[in-house]
Amino acid sequence: MIEDLLDTLSSEGLQSDERFTESFVHHSLNKGQGPNKIKQELKQRGIDSSLIEQCMESKSIDWMGLAEEVRLKKYGETIPNDYQNKAKQSRFLYSRGFSSDVINQLLR
């Protein structure tokens, strides 16, 4: 019964995985979330991996810029010199869904 209802809504244009995915990505970017977290949450909501990749690629997002913006908002201008603070900031950015490559480039 639920499947029939979803098919009906989809055929009438009232339910669209594409629109949901685009809206979710836009909302997540505004919250400062990285690509790994966005993809994981969309998969948990049952969105197809190919649709996720298509939407993420079409946005041409500057992940480095977003990660820097998120780090600046939380920790300020100063890049940490000691291992403990670098690790703390790395863990924070990783929990936000940024890749280790982006984090390492940002905290050099």
N, C-alpha and C. Protein backbone atom coordinates (compact mmCIF):
# COMPACT_ATOMS: atom_id res chain seq x y z
N MET A 1 0.83 -1.19 0.00
CA MET A 1 0.00 0.00 0.00
C MET A 1 0.88 1.27 0.00
N ILE A 2 1.93 1.25 0.83
CA ILE A 2 2.82 2.41 0.90
C ILE A 2 3.54 2.61 -0.43
N GLU A 3 4.01 1.51 -1.02
CA GLU A 3 4.69 1.60 -2.32
C GLU A 3 3.78 2.19 -3.39
N ASP A 4 2.51 1.78 -3.40
CA ASP A 4 1.55 2.31 -4.36
C ASP A 4 1.35 3.81 -4.17
N LEU A 5 1.25 4.22 -2.92
CA LEU A 5 1.07 5.63 -2.61
C LEU A 5 2.30 6.44 -3.05
N LEU A 6 3.49 5.93 -2.78
CA LEU A 6 4.71 6.63 -3.20
C LEU A 6 4.80 6.72 -4.72
N ASP A 7 4.43 5.65 -5.42
CA ASP A 7 4.42 5.67 -6.89
C ASP A 7 3.44 6.71 -7.41
N THR A 8 2.27 6.80 -6.79
CA THR A 8 1.27 7.78 -7.20
C THR A 8 1.78 9.20 -6.98
N LEU A 9 2.34 9.46 -5.80
CA LEU A 9 2.88 10.79 -5.51
C LEU A 9 4.01 11.15 -6.47
N SER A 10 4.86 10.20 -6.78
CA SER A 10 5.97 10.43 -7.69
C SER A 10 5.47 10.74 -9.10
N SER A 11 4.49 9.98 -9.57
CA SER A 11 3.97 10.19 -10.93
C SER A 11 3.25 11.53 -11.05
N GLU A 12 2.69 12.02 -9.95
CA GLU A 12 2.02 13.33 -9.95
C GLU A 12 2.99 14.47 -9.71
N GLY A 13 4.25 14.16 -9.50
CA GLY A 13 5.27 15.19 -9.29
C GLY A 13 5.27 15.77 -7.88
N LEU A 14 4.62 15.10 -6.96
CA LEU A 14 4.56 15.60 -5.59
C LEU A 14 5.69 15.07 -4.72
N GLN A 15 6.34 14.03 -5.15
CA GLN A 15 7.49 13.46 -4.45
C GLN A 15 8.61 13.25 -5.46
N SER A 16 9.78 13.78 -5.15
CA SER A 16 10.91 13.67 -6.06
C SER A 16 12.20 13.48 -5.26
N ASP A 17 12.86 12.36 -5.50
CA ASP A 17 14.14 12.13 -4.84
C ASP A 17 15.17 13.17 -5.26
N GLU A 18 15.10 13.62 -6.52
CA GLU A 18 16.05 14.62 -7.01
C GLU A 18 15.89 15.93 -6.25
N ARG A 19 14.66 16.40 -6.12
CA ARG A 19 14.41 17.66 -5.40
C ARG A 19 14.82 17.53 -3.93
N PHE A 20 14.48 16.40 -3.32
CA PHE A 20 14.86 16.19 -1.93
C PHE A 20 16.37 16.21 -1.77
N THR A 21 17.07 15.52 -2.66
CA THR A 21 18.53 15.44 -2.57
C THR A 21 19.16 16.82 -2.73
N GLU A 22 18.71 17.59 -3.71
CA GLU A 22 19.24 18.94 -3.91
C GLU A 22 18.97 19.82 -2.70
N SER A 23 17.77 19.74 -2.16
CA SER A 23 17.41 20.54 -1.00
C SER A 23 18.24 20.13 0.22
N PHE A 24 18.42 18.83 0.41
CA PHE A 24 19.18 18.33 1.54
C PHE A 24 20.64 18.76 1.46
N VAL A 25 21.23 18.66 0.26
CA VAL A 25 22.62 19.07 0.08
C VAL A 25 22.77 20.56 0.37
N HIS A 26 21.86 21.36 -0.16
CA HIS A 26 21.91 22.81 0.06
C HIS A 26 21.81 23.13 1.55
N HIS A 27 20.89 22.50 2.23
CA HIS A 27 20.70 22.72 3.67
C HIS A 27 21.95 22.28 4.45
N SER A 28 22.51 21.14 4.08
CA SER A 28 23.70 20.62 4.78
C SER A 28 24.91 21.53 4.58
N LEU A 29 25.05 22.08 3.38
CA LEU A 29 26.15 23.01 3.12
C LEU A 29 26.02 24.25 3.99
N ASN A 30 24.79 24.73 4.13
CA ASN A 30 24.57 25.91 4.98
C ASN A 30 24.88 25.62 6.45
N LYS A 31 24.77 24.35 6.86
CA LYS A 31 25.11 23.96 8.22
C LYS A 31 26.60 23.69 8.37
N GLY A 32 27.37 23.75 7.28
CA GLY A 32 28.82 23.54 7.36
C GLY A 32 29.22 22.08 7.38
N GLN A 33 28.44 21.23 6.77
CA GLN A 33 28.77 19.81 6.75
C GLN A 33 29.56 19.46 5.50
N GLY A 34 30.48 18.52 5.65
CA GLY A 34 31.34 18.09 4.56
C GLY A 34 30.71 16.98 3.73
N PRO A 35 31.39 16.60 2.66
CA PRO A 35 30.83 15.64 1.70
C PRO A 35 30.58 14.25 2.30
N ASN A 36 31.46 13.79 3.16
CA ASN A 36 31.30 12.45 3.72
C ASN A 36 30.03 12.35 4.57
N LYS A 37 29.78 13.35 5.37
CA LYS A 37 28.59 13.34 6.23
C LYS A 37 27.32 13.48 5.40
N ILE A 38 27.35 14.34 4.39
CA ILE A 38 26.18 14.53 3.54
C ILE A 38 25.83 13.23 2.82
N LYS A 39 26.84 12.59 2.25
CA LYS A 39 26.60 11.32 1.54
C LYS A 39 26.06 10.26 2.48
N GLN A 40 26.64 10.15 3.65
CA GLN A 40 26.21 9.14 4.62
C GLN A 40 24.75 9.36 5.02
N GLU A 41 24.38 10.59 5.30
CA GLU A 41 23.01 10.87 5.73
C GLU A 41 22.01 10.63 4.60
N LEU A 42 22.39 10.93 3.37
CA LEU A 42 21.49 10.67 2.25
C LEU A 42 21.31 9.17 2.03
N LYS A 43 22.39 8.41 2.18
CA LYS A 43 22.28 6.95 2.04
C LYS A 43 21.38 6.38 3.12
N GLN A 44 21.47 6.91 4.33
CA GLN A 44 20.62 6.45 5.42
C GLN A 44 19.14 6.74 5.13
N ARG A 45 18.89 7.76 4.33
CA ARG A 45 17.52 8.11 3.97
C ARG A 45 17.03 7.38 2.72
N GLY A 46 17.88 6.47 2.20
CA GLY A 46 17.45 5.64 1.09
C GLY A 46 17.65 6.23 -0.30
N ILE A 47 18.47 7.25 -0.41
CA ILE A 47 18.73 7.87 -1.71
C ILE A 47 19.80 7.05 -2.43
N ASP A 48 19.60 6.84 -3.71
CA ASP A 48 20.50 6.06 -4.54
C ASP A 48 21.87 6.74 -4.65
N SER A 49 22.94 5.95 -4.58
CA SER A 49 24.31 6.48 -4.61
C SER A 49 24.60 7.27 -5.87
N SER A 50 24.07 6.82 -7.01
CA SER A 50 24.33 7.54 -8.27
C SER A 50 23.66 8.91 -8.25
N LEU A 51 22.49 9.03 -7.65
CA LEU A 51 21.82 10.32 -7.55
C LEU A 51 22.58 11.25 -6.60
N ILE A 52 23.11 10.68 -5.54
CA ILE A 52 23.91 11.47 -4.59
C ILE A 52 25.14 12.04 -5.29
N GLU A 53 25.87 11.18 -6.00
CA GLU A 53 27.07 11.62 -6.71
C GLU A 53 26.74 12.68 -7.77
N GLN A 54 25.67 12.45 -8.50
CA GLN A 54 25.25 13.39 -9.55
C GLN A 54 24.96 14.77 -8.95
N CYS A 55 24.25 14.80 -7.85
CA CYS A 55 23.91 16.07 -7.21
C CYS A 55 25.14 16.75 -6.63
N MET A 56 26.00 15.98 -5.99
CA MET A 56 27.20 16.56 -5.38
C MET A 56 28.14 17.13 -6.45
N GLU A 57 28.26 16.45 -7.58
CA GLU A 57 29.14 16.92 -8.64
C GLU A 57 28.57 18.14 -9.37
N SER A 58 27.26 18.21 -9.48
CA SER A 58 26.65 19.32 -10.21
C SER A 58 26.78 20.64 -9.47
N LYS A 59 26.98 20.59 -8.18
CA LYS A 59 27.07 21.81 -7.37
C LYS A 59 28.44 22.49 -7.47
N SER A 60 29.46 21.78 -7.89
CA SER A 60 30.84 22.28 -7.94
C SER A 60 31.19 23.07 -6.67
N ILE A 61 31.24 22.34 -5.59
CA ILE A 61 31.41 22.91 -4.25
C ILE A 61 32.90 23.01 -3.92
N ASP A 62 33.28 24.11 -3.32
CA ASP A 62 34.65 24.32 -2.85
C ASP A 62 34.74 23.78 -1.42
N TRP A 63 35.09 22.48 -1.31
CA TRP A 63 35.13 21.83 0.01
C TRP A 63 36.21 22.44 0.89
N MET A 64 37.32 22.82 0.30
CA MET A 64 38.41 23.43 1.08
C MET A 64 37.93 24.76 1.67
N GLY A 65 37.27 25.55 0.87
CA GLY A 65 36.76 26.83 1.34
C GLY A 65 35.73 26.66 2.45
N LEU A 66 34.85 25.68 2.29
CA LEU A 66 33.83 25.42 3.31
C LEU A 66 34.48 24.94 4.61
N ALA A 67 35.45 24.04 4.50
CA ALA A 67 36.14 23.55 5.70
C ALA A 67 36.85 24.69 6.42
N GLU A 68 37.47 25.57 5.66
CA GLU A 68 38.16 26.71 6.26
C GLU A 68 37.17 27.63 6.96
N GLU A 69 36.03 27.86 6.34
CA GLU A 69 34.99 28.70 6.93
C GLU A 69 34.49 28.10 8.25
N VAL A 70 34.27 26.80 8.26
CA VAL A 70 33.79 26.11 9.46
C VAL A 70 34.85 26.18 10.56
N ARG A 71 36.12 25.96 10.20
CA ARG A 71 37.20 26.02 11.19
C ARG A 71 37.35 27.42 11.75
N LEU A 72 37.29 28.43 10.89
CA LEU A 72 37.42 29.81 11.35
C LEU A 72 36.30 30.19 12.31
N LYS A 73 35.10 29.75 12.01
CA LYS A 73 33.97 30.09 12.86
C LYS A 73 34.13 29.49 14.26
N LYS A 74 34.68 28.29 14.33
CA LYS A 74 34.81 27.59 15.61
C LYS A 74 36.09 28.01 16.36
N TYR A 75 37.22 28.15 15.65
CA TYR A 75 38.52 28.31 16.32
C TYR A 75 39.22 29.64 16.04
N GLY A 76 38.74 30.43 15.12
CA GLY A 76 39.38 31.71 14.84
C GLY A 76 40.48 31.60 13.80
N GLU A 77 41.21 32.68 13.63
CA GLU A 77 42.21 32.83 12.57
C GLU A 77 43.47 31.98 12.76
N THR A 78 43.89 31.77 13.98
CA THR A 78 45.18 31.16 14.25
C THR A 78 45.18 29.67 13.94
N ILE A 79 46.15 29.25 13.10
CA ILE A 79 46.37 27.83 12.83
C ILE A 79 47.19 27.27 13.99
N PRO A 80 46.78 26.16 14.57
CA PRO A 80 47.50 25.64 15.74
C PRO A 80 48.91 25.14 15.37
N ASN A 81 49.85 25.33 16.29
CA ASN A 81 51.22 24.88 16.09
C ASN A 81 51.49 23.55 16.78
N ASP A 82 50.80 23.30 17.88
CA ASP A 82 51.07 22.08 18.64
C ASP A 82 50.15 20.93 18.19
N TYR A 83 50.64 19.74 18.46
CA TYR A 83 49.94 18.53 18.02
C TYR A 83 48.55 18.41 18.64
N GLN A 84 48.42 18.73 19.90
CA GLN A 84 47.16 18.56 20.62
C GLN A 84 46.03 19.40 19.99
N ASN A 85 46.31 20.65 19.70
CA ASN A 85 45.28 21.51 19.11
C ASN A 85 44.99 21.15 17.66
N LYS A 86 46.04 20.73 16.93
CA LYS A 86 45.80 20.27 15.56
C LYS A 86 44.91 19.04 15.55
N ALA A 87 45.18 18.13 16.47
CA ALA A 87 44.36 16.91 16.56
C ALA A 87 42.92 17.25 16.93
N LYS A 88 42.74 18.20 17.82
CA LYS A 88 41.41 18.62 18.24
C LYS A 88 40.62 19.21 17.06
N GLN A 89 41.28 20.08 16.30
CA GLN A 89 40.62 20.68 15.15
C GLN A 89 40.38 19.65 14.05
N SER A 90 41.32 18.73 13.89
CA SER A 90 41.15 17.66 12.90
C SER A 90 39.93 16.80 13.23
N ARG A 91 39.81 16.43 14.48
CA ARG A 91 38.66 15.60 14.91
C ARG A 91 37.34 16.34 14.67
N PHE A 92 37.34 17.63 14.96
CA PHE A 92 36.13 18.43 14.75
C PHE A 92 35.74 18.44 13.27
N LEU A 93 36.71 18.73 12.41
CA LEU A 93 36.42 18.78 10.97
C LEU A 93 36.03 17.41 10.42
N TYR A 94 36.68 16.38 10.93
CA TYR A 94 36.35 15.02 10.50
C TYR A 94 34.92 14.67 10.91
N SER A 95 34.52 15.08 12.11
CA SER A 95 33.15 14.81 12.56
C SER A 95 32.12 15.57 11.74
N ARG A 96 32.54 16.66 11.13
CA ARG A 96 31.66 17.42 10.25
C ARG A 96 31.57 16.81 8.85
N GLY A 97 32.43 15.83 8.57
CA GLY A 97 32.33 15.12 7.30
C GLY A 97 33.35 15.49 6.25
N PHE A 98 34.42 16.18 6.66
CA PHE A 98 35.46 16.55 5.70
C PHE A 98 36.50 15.44 5.62
N SER A 99 37.09 15.29 4.44
CA SER A 99 38.07 14.23 4.23
C SER A 99 39.40 14.58 4.90
N SER A 100 40.19 13.57 5.15
CA SER A 100 41.48 13.79 5.80
C SER A 100 42.42 14.60 4.90
N ASP A 101 42.28 14.46 3.57
CA ASP A 101 43.11 15.26 2.64
C ASP A 101 42.83 16.75 2.82
N VAL A 102 41.56 17.11 2.86
CA VAL A 102 41.17 18.52 3.03
C VAL A 102 41.64 19.02 4.38
N ILE A 103 41.46 18.22 5.41
CA ILE A 103 41.85 18.63 6.76
C ILE A 103 43.36 18.84 6.85
N ASN A 104 44.13 17.90 6.30
CA ASN A 104 45.60 18.03 6.35
C ASN A 104 46.08 19.26 5.59
N GLN A 105 45.50 19.56 4.45
CA GLN A 105 45.89 20.74 3.69
C GLN A 105 45.54 22.02 4.45
N LEU A 106 44.41 21.99 5.12
CA LEU A 106 43.94 23.17 5.82
C LEU A 106 44.77 23.47 7.07
N LEU A 107 45.23 22.44 7.76
CA LEU A 107 45.94 22.64 9.03
C LEU A 107 47.45 22.61 8.89
N ARG A 108 47.98 22.75 7.71
CA ARG A 108 49.45 22.79 7.52
C ARG A 108 50.03 24.02 8.10
